[in-house]
Structures are given as structure tokens and as C-alpha cells.
Amino acid sequence: MDTKNSPRPNGIGTLQETSLHAGLKDWYAQPGDVLEAKVDGYIIDILREDLLVEIQTRNFSALKRKLTRLAEKHPIRLVYPLTREKWILYQETNGGPVLRRRKSPRHAELPDVFIELVRLPELATHANFSLEVLFTHEEELRRKDGRGSWRRKGWSIFDRKLLAVVDRRLFSSPADYAALLPDGLPAAFTSADLAERLGKPRYLAQKMVYCLRKMELLSITGKTGNSIIYERGQL
């Protein structure tokens, strides 16, 4: 295993990290860790003795091949932030003054992890894989460049900055994921039942049941109308 360090100019890695990624890496690292270690041809954010730690702030698909290959030989942990509180900063130009700062009404909860986990559910229960969710407070910097989405009225997201990590949750076994099914859920249920119990949109419940089924934590037992009926598996 090659663990040679890569250079870190200006405190930021050579992979052009966002401020959020760099902030999470600095927060997560402990004395003795090796940052940006080379392992089996891949650059790993943090090497902690035998544990490989990879931090991803979006799109698990980009890491699927890398994580799958490394998990064949090494224990690997994927660290993913969910934003509990976010402040949005509006800036006309790079280096210009902040025009205003507002708090977003949105805040993430644990089931929201399935929005990304749906991209690699089979890996989630691999013996060498663990997932750690960090609940964060963040700032999001937006600039009016005219290329942003219509929802943001031309404002583009340029960066995200970590303010604090306020909580964390480690998933290292199938039981950890099964525990996210809410209390009071019937023995046989649909994604609509799950959405209602979670207080979340149905599309999120559908991603959740898809993941749990791929993890062999749920099984399909029938249909009611156009809705699939699921039951919990045995752990």
C-alpha cells in the first residue's frame, strides 16, 4: 500500500477542493492521520492507520467505482455532510461586498441521506464499508452571473463554507440503516405509508425503500393497486 503524501499548496489539496470539503477534512483529521495519501493508485482524503476516509459533499456516483475497488482490500469510510442550518450570502462580484445574508428555511434530516445513497446501496452493507453523516452549519456563497437556475433568478452557487459540525451518525451495519424506519410503521407498508410516517415527500420514501431492498432489509410481498407492498427482513 503506497501512502506517499501529495503536496497541499495554500492548505488546499491538489484536487481543487471546495471550501466545504477542505473544512470538513480539517475538522475530521486527527493527529497522526495522513492527508491525501496515495493508496492502490487512488488519492484518499485521510488515511487513519488502516482506515481510509473519503469525504464527499455531493454525488456519490462520482466515487462509486473508487469506493467499490478499495473496499475489496481495505476498510473505508465515506463521510457525508447534511446541512442542518444554512446561511446564504449574496455577492455581486468576486471580492465584492456581501449584499445580504439570509437563513435558509430548509434543514436536512437523516432520511435525506438516501437521496445520494440510492447511487450505491449494495456497497452500503459491505463488511469493509461504513458511512458517517455529519450534521453541519454552513454558508453558501452566491454570485449574480446570469448563469444560475431560474429558481435562483440568475444567481449561481460559487462555494460552500463549513461553520460548524453539530452532530454525527455512523452507519456500519445493516441494523443501522434499518433503524431509520420510523416507529409505528405497519408490518406491511407502501412507500406512501413510509412518506407519511417520515413526514417527507414520497420520492424520498421511494429512494429509501429502494436502498433498503437492495440491502436485503426489505422484501416485496405484493401490491395494492399500483403501490408495492414491502415487509421488513430479518436482521
Protein backbone atom coordinates (compact mmCIF):
# COMPACT_ATOMS: atom_id res chain seq x y z
CA MET A 1 0.00 0.00 0.00
CA ASP A 2 1.56 3.28 -1.16
CA THR A 3 0.82 6.09 1.33
CA LYS A 4 3.05 8.82 -0.05
CA ASN A 5 1.69 12.31 0.59
CA SER A 6 0.74 14.69 -2.17
CA PRO A 7 1.61 18.40 -1.74
CA ARG A 8 -1.02 20.72 -0.28
CA PRO A 9 -0.35 24.27 -1.56
CA ASN A 10 -2.13 27.03 0.38
CA GLY A 11 -3.67 24.43 2.69
CA ILE A 12 -5.95 23.17 -0.10
CA GLY A 13 -5.39 19.83 -1.81
CA THR A 14 -4.31 19.46 -5.40
CA LEU A 15 -7.77 18.21 -6.38
CA GLN A 16 -9.28 21.73 -6.23
CA GLU A 17 -11.45 21.15 -3.21
CA THR A 18 -14.36 23.37 -2.34
CA SER A 19 -14.09 25.30 0.90
CA LEU A 20 -16.63 22.91 2.45
CA HIS A 21 -14.61 19.83 1.53
CA ALA A 22 -11.40 21.36 2.84
CA GLY A 23 -13.12 22.49 6.04
CA LEU A 24 -14.58 19.03 6.68
CA LYS A 25 -11.20 17.40 6.09
CA ASP A 26 -9.51 19.75 8.55
CA TRP A 27 -12.29 19.14 11.11
CA TYR A 28 -12.20 15.35 10.71
CA ALA A 29 -8.44 14.87 10.71
CA GLN A 30 -6.67 13.75 13.88
CA PRO A 31 -3.00 13.82 14.90
CA GLY A 32 -1.19 11.00 13.12
CA ASP A 33 -3.51 10.96 10.11
CA VAL A 34 -2.01 11.14 6.63
CA LEU A 35 -3.81 13.61 4.35
CA GLU A 36 -4.13 13.00 0.62
CA ALA A 37 -2.46 9.61 0.84
CA LYS A 38 -1.98 7.50 -2.27
CA VAL A 39 -3.49 4.04 -1.81
CA ASP A 40 -3.65 1.46 -4.62
CA GLY A 41 -3.42 4.19 -7.24
CA TYR A 42 -6.10 6.42 -5.68
CA ILE A 43 -5.74 9.63 -3.66
CA ILE A 44 -7.54 9.28 -0.32
CA ASP A 45 -8.57 12.29 1.76
CA ILE A 46 -7.45 10.82 5.08
CA LEU A 47 -5.56 7.66 5.98
CA ARG A 48 -6.00 6.77 9.67
CA GLU A 49 -3.87 3.69 10.35
CA ASP A 50 -5.70 1.03 8.26
CA LEU A 51 -8.89 3.08 7.76
CA LEU A 52 -9.38 5.03 4.53
CA VAL A 53 -11.60 8.10 4.92
CA GLU A 54 -13.16 9.75 1.87
CA ILE A 55 -15.18 12.96 2.21
CA GLN A 56 -17.88 13.66 -0.36
CA THR A 57 -20.13 16.71 -0.31
CA ARG A 58 -22.26 15.70 -3.29
CA ASN A 59 -22.92 13.00 -5.91
CA PHE A 60 -21.96 9.56 -4.63
CA SER A 61 -21.87 8.31 -8.24
CA ALA A 62 -18.52 10.03 -8.75
CA LEU A 63 -16.98 7.80 -6.05
CA LYS A 64 -18.76 4.50 -6.68
CA ARG A 65 -16.00 2.81 -8.67
CA LYS A 66 -13.25 4.08 -6.38
CA LEU A 67 -15.01 3.02 -3.18
CA THR A 68 -16.01 -0.37 -4.56
CA ARG A 69 -12.46 -1.22 -5.60
CA LEU A 70 -10.86 -0.01 -2.38
CA ALA A 71 -13.42 -1.85 -0.21
CA GLU A 72 -12.17 -5.13 -1.70
CA LYS A 73 -8.95 -4.77 0.30
CA HIS A 74 -9.36 -2.00 2.87
CA PRO A 75 -11.82 -0.70 5.47
CA ILE A 76 -13.14 2.55 4.03
CA ARG A 77 -15.42 5.23 5.45
CA LEU A 78 -17.44 7.68 3.40
CA VAL A 79 -18.09 10.95 5.24
CA TYR A 80 -21.07 12.99 4.04
CA PRO A 81 -22.48 16.28 5.38
CA LEU A 82 -26.15 17.05 5.77
CA THR A 83 -26.91 20.71 6.29
CA ARG A 84 -28.90 21.37 9.44
CA GLU A 85 -28.68 25.16 9.14
CA LYS A 86 -27.54 27.23 6.17
CA TRP A 87 -26.97 30.92 5.64
CA ILE A 88 -26.97 32.22 2.05
CA LEU A 89 -24.66 35.10 1.16
CA TYR A 90 -25.25 37.21 -1.97
CA GLN A 91 -22.24 38.83 -3.63
CA GLU A 92 -22.34 40.81 -6.87
CA THR A 93 -18.77 40.02 -7.95
CA ASN A 94 -15.75 38.06 -6.72
CA GLY A 95 -14.16 40.03 -3.89
CA GLY A 96 -17.05 42.46 -3.74
CA PRO A 97 -19.13 43.22 -0.64
CA VAL A 98 -21.80 40.83 0.60
CA LEU A 99 -25.10 42.42 -0.38
CA ARG A 100 -27.23 40.44 2.02
CA ARG A 101 -27.24 37.32 4.19
CA ARG A 102 -30.33 35.26 4.89
CA LYS A 103 -31.04 31.98 6.66
CA SER A 104 -32.43 29.17 4.53
CA PRO A 105 -35.69 27.66 5.84
CA ARG A 106 -34.55 24.19 4.78
CA HIS A 107 -32.78 21.77 7.09
CA ALA A 108 -31.76 18.18 6.42
CA GLU A 109 -32.64 15.11 8.47
CA LEU A 110 -31.15 11.61 8.44
CA PRO A 111 -33.54 10.12 5.83
CA ASP A 112 -32.23 12.72 3.36
CA VAL A 113 -29.03 10.69 3.09
CA PHE A 114 -30.93 8.27 0.82
CA ILE A 115 -31.01 10.95 -1.90
CA GLU A 116 -27.35 10.11 -2.51
CA LEU A 117 -27.19 6.62 -1.02
CA VAL A 118 -29.50 5.43 -3.80
CA ARG A 119 -26.41 5.54 -6.05
CA LEU A 120 -24.54 2.80 -4.17
CA PRO A 121 -26.91 0.82 -1.91
CA GLU A 122 -25.21 -2.55 -2.45
CA LEU A 123 -21.91 -1.15 -1.17
CA ALA A 124 -23.54 0.22 1.99
CA THR A 125 -23.63 -3.17 3.70
CA HIS A 126 -20.20 -4.36 2.57
CA ALA A 127 -18.15 -5.55 5.54
CA ASN A 128 -15.37 -3.04 4.78
CA PHE A 129 -17.64 -0.03 4.21
CA SER A 130 -19.06 2.48 6.68
CA LEU A 131 -20.87 5.77 6.22
CA GLU A 132 -20.64 8.67 8.62
CA VAL A 133 -23.15 11.51 8.36
CA LEU A 134 -22.09 14.87 9.76
CA PHE A 135 -24.76 17.46 10.52
CA THR A 136 -23.40 20.88 9.68
CA HIS A 137 -23.99 24.59 9.80
CA GLU A 138 -22.84 26.14 6.52
CA GLU A 139 -22.61 29.31 4.49
CA GLU A 140 -23.42 29.21 0.78
CA LEU A 141 -21.95 31.93 -1.44
CA ARG A 142 -23.94 33.02 -4.47
CA ARG A 143 -22.99 35.46 -7.22
CA LYS A 144 -25.19 37.03 -9.87
CA ASP A 145 -23.52 35.89 -13.06
CA GLY A 146 -26.71 35.29 -15.04
CA ARG A 147 -25.97 31.57 -15.37
CA GLY A 148 -27.77 30.35 -12.26
CA SER A 149 -31.02 28.39 -12.37
CA TRP A 150 -34.31 30.14 -12.93
CA ARG A 151 -35.26 29.27 -9.35
CA ARG A 152 -32.29 31.33 -8.13
CA LYS A 153 -33.07 34.11 -10.64
CA GLY A 154 -29.63 34.08 -12.23
CA TRP A 155 -27.63 33.68 -9.02
CA SER A 156 -25.08 30.83 -9.14
CA ILE A 157 -23.69 28.88 -6.19
CA PHE A 158 -19.93 29.50 -6.12
CA ASP A 159 -18.86 27.98 -2.83
CA ARG A 160 -19.94 26.40 0.45
CA LYS A 161 -18.15 27.02 3.73
CA LEU A 162 -18.26 24.95 6.91
CA LEU A 163 -19.23 26.89 10.03
CA ALA A 164 -19.63 24.01 12.48
CA VAL A 165 -20.31 20.29 12.84
CA VAL A 166 -23.13 19.93 15.35
CA ASP A 167 -23.87 16.19 15.32
CA ARG A 168 -22.75 12.93 13.68
CA ARG A 169 -24.11 9.44 12.99
CA LEU A 170 -22.13 6.35 11.97
CA PHE A 171 -23.63 3.57 9.85
CA SER A 172 -21.53 0.42 9.93
CA SER A 173 -24.06 -2.44 9.84
CA PRO A 174 -27.42 -3.25 8.20
CA ALA A 175 -29.17 -2.67 11.52
CA ASP A 176 -28.02 0.97 11.49
CA TYR A 177 -29.90 1.60 8.25
CA ALA A 178 -32.95 -0.41 9.28
CA ALA A 179 -33.19 1.78 12.39
CA LEU A 180 -34.17 4.72 10.15
CA LEU A 181 -37.57 3.13 9.53
CA PRO A 182 -39.96 5.12 11.73
CA ASP A 183 -41.85 3.81 14.73
CA GLY A 184 -45.47 2.93 14.08
CA LEU A 185 -44.87 1.74 10.53
CA PRO A 186 -47.15 -1.25 9.73
CA ALA A 187 -45.58 -4.67 9.23
CA ALA A 188 -46.62 -4.43 5.57
CA PHE A 189 -46.42 -0.94 4.09
CA THR A 190 -46.12 1.10 0.89
CA SER A 191 -43.80 3.98 0.09
CA ALA A 192 -46.79 6.28 0.67
CA ASP A 193 -47.17 4.88 4.21
CA LEU A 194 -43.46 5.44 4.80
CA ALA A 195 -43.59 9.01 3.46
CA GLU A 196 -46.49 9.81 5.78
CA ARG A 197 -44.71 8.41 8.85
CA LEU A 198 -41.49 10.21 7.99
CA GLY A 199 -43.21 13.49 7.15
CA LYS A 200 -41.20 13.50 3.92
CA PRO A 201 -42.07 13.61 0.19
CA ARG A 202 -42.93 10.29 -1.41
CA TYR A 203 -39.98 10.49 -3.83
CA LEU A 204 -37.64 10.31 -0.82
CA ALA A 205 -39.53 7.35 0.65
CA GLN A 206 -39.22 5.60 -2.72
CA LYS A 207 -35.44 6.09 -2.70
CA MET A 208 -35.33 4.80 0.86
CA VAL A 209 -37.26 1.59 0.14
CA TYR A 210 -35.18 1.02 -2.98
CA CYS A 211 -31.97 1.23 -0.94
CA LEU A 212 -33.26 -0.93 1.90
CA ARG A 213 -34.46 -3.56 -0.57
CA LYS A 214 -31.04 -3.62 -2.27
CA MET A 215 -29.52 -4.04 1.21
CA GLU A 216 -31.91 -7.01 1.71
CA LEU A 217 -33.55 -5.23 4.63
CA LEU A 218 -36.95 -5.10 2.91
CA SER A 219 -38.74 -7.56 0.67
CA ILE A 220 -41.61 -7.11 -1.78
CA THR A 221 -44.67 -9.12 -0.76
CA GLY A 222 -47.37 -7.88 -3.13
CA LYS A 223 -49.21 -4.86 -4.47
CA THR A 224 -52.22 -2.80 -3.56
CA GLY A 225 -53.46 -1.01 -6.66
CA ASN A 226 -50.31 0.44 -8.26
CA SER A 227 -48.39 0.54 -4.97
CA ILE A 228 -45.80 -2.07 -4.00
CA ILE A 229 -46.10 -3.60 -0.53
CA TYR A 230 -42.91 -4.07 1.49
CA GLU A 231 -42.10 -6.00 4.64
CA ARG A 232 -39.01 -5.87 6.85
CA GLY A 233 -36.46 -8.64 6.50
CA GLN A 234 -34.76 -10.49 9.33
CA LEU A 235 -31.50 -8.99 10.56
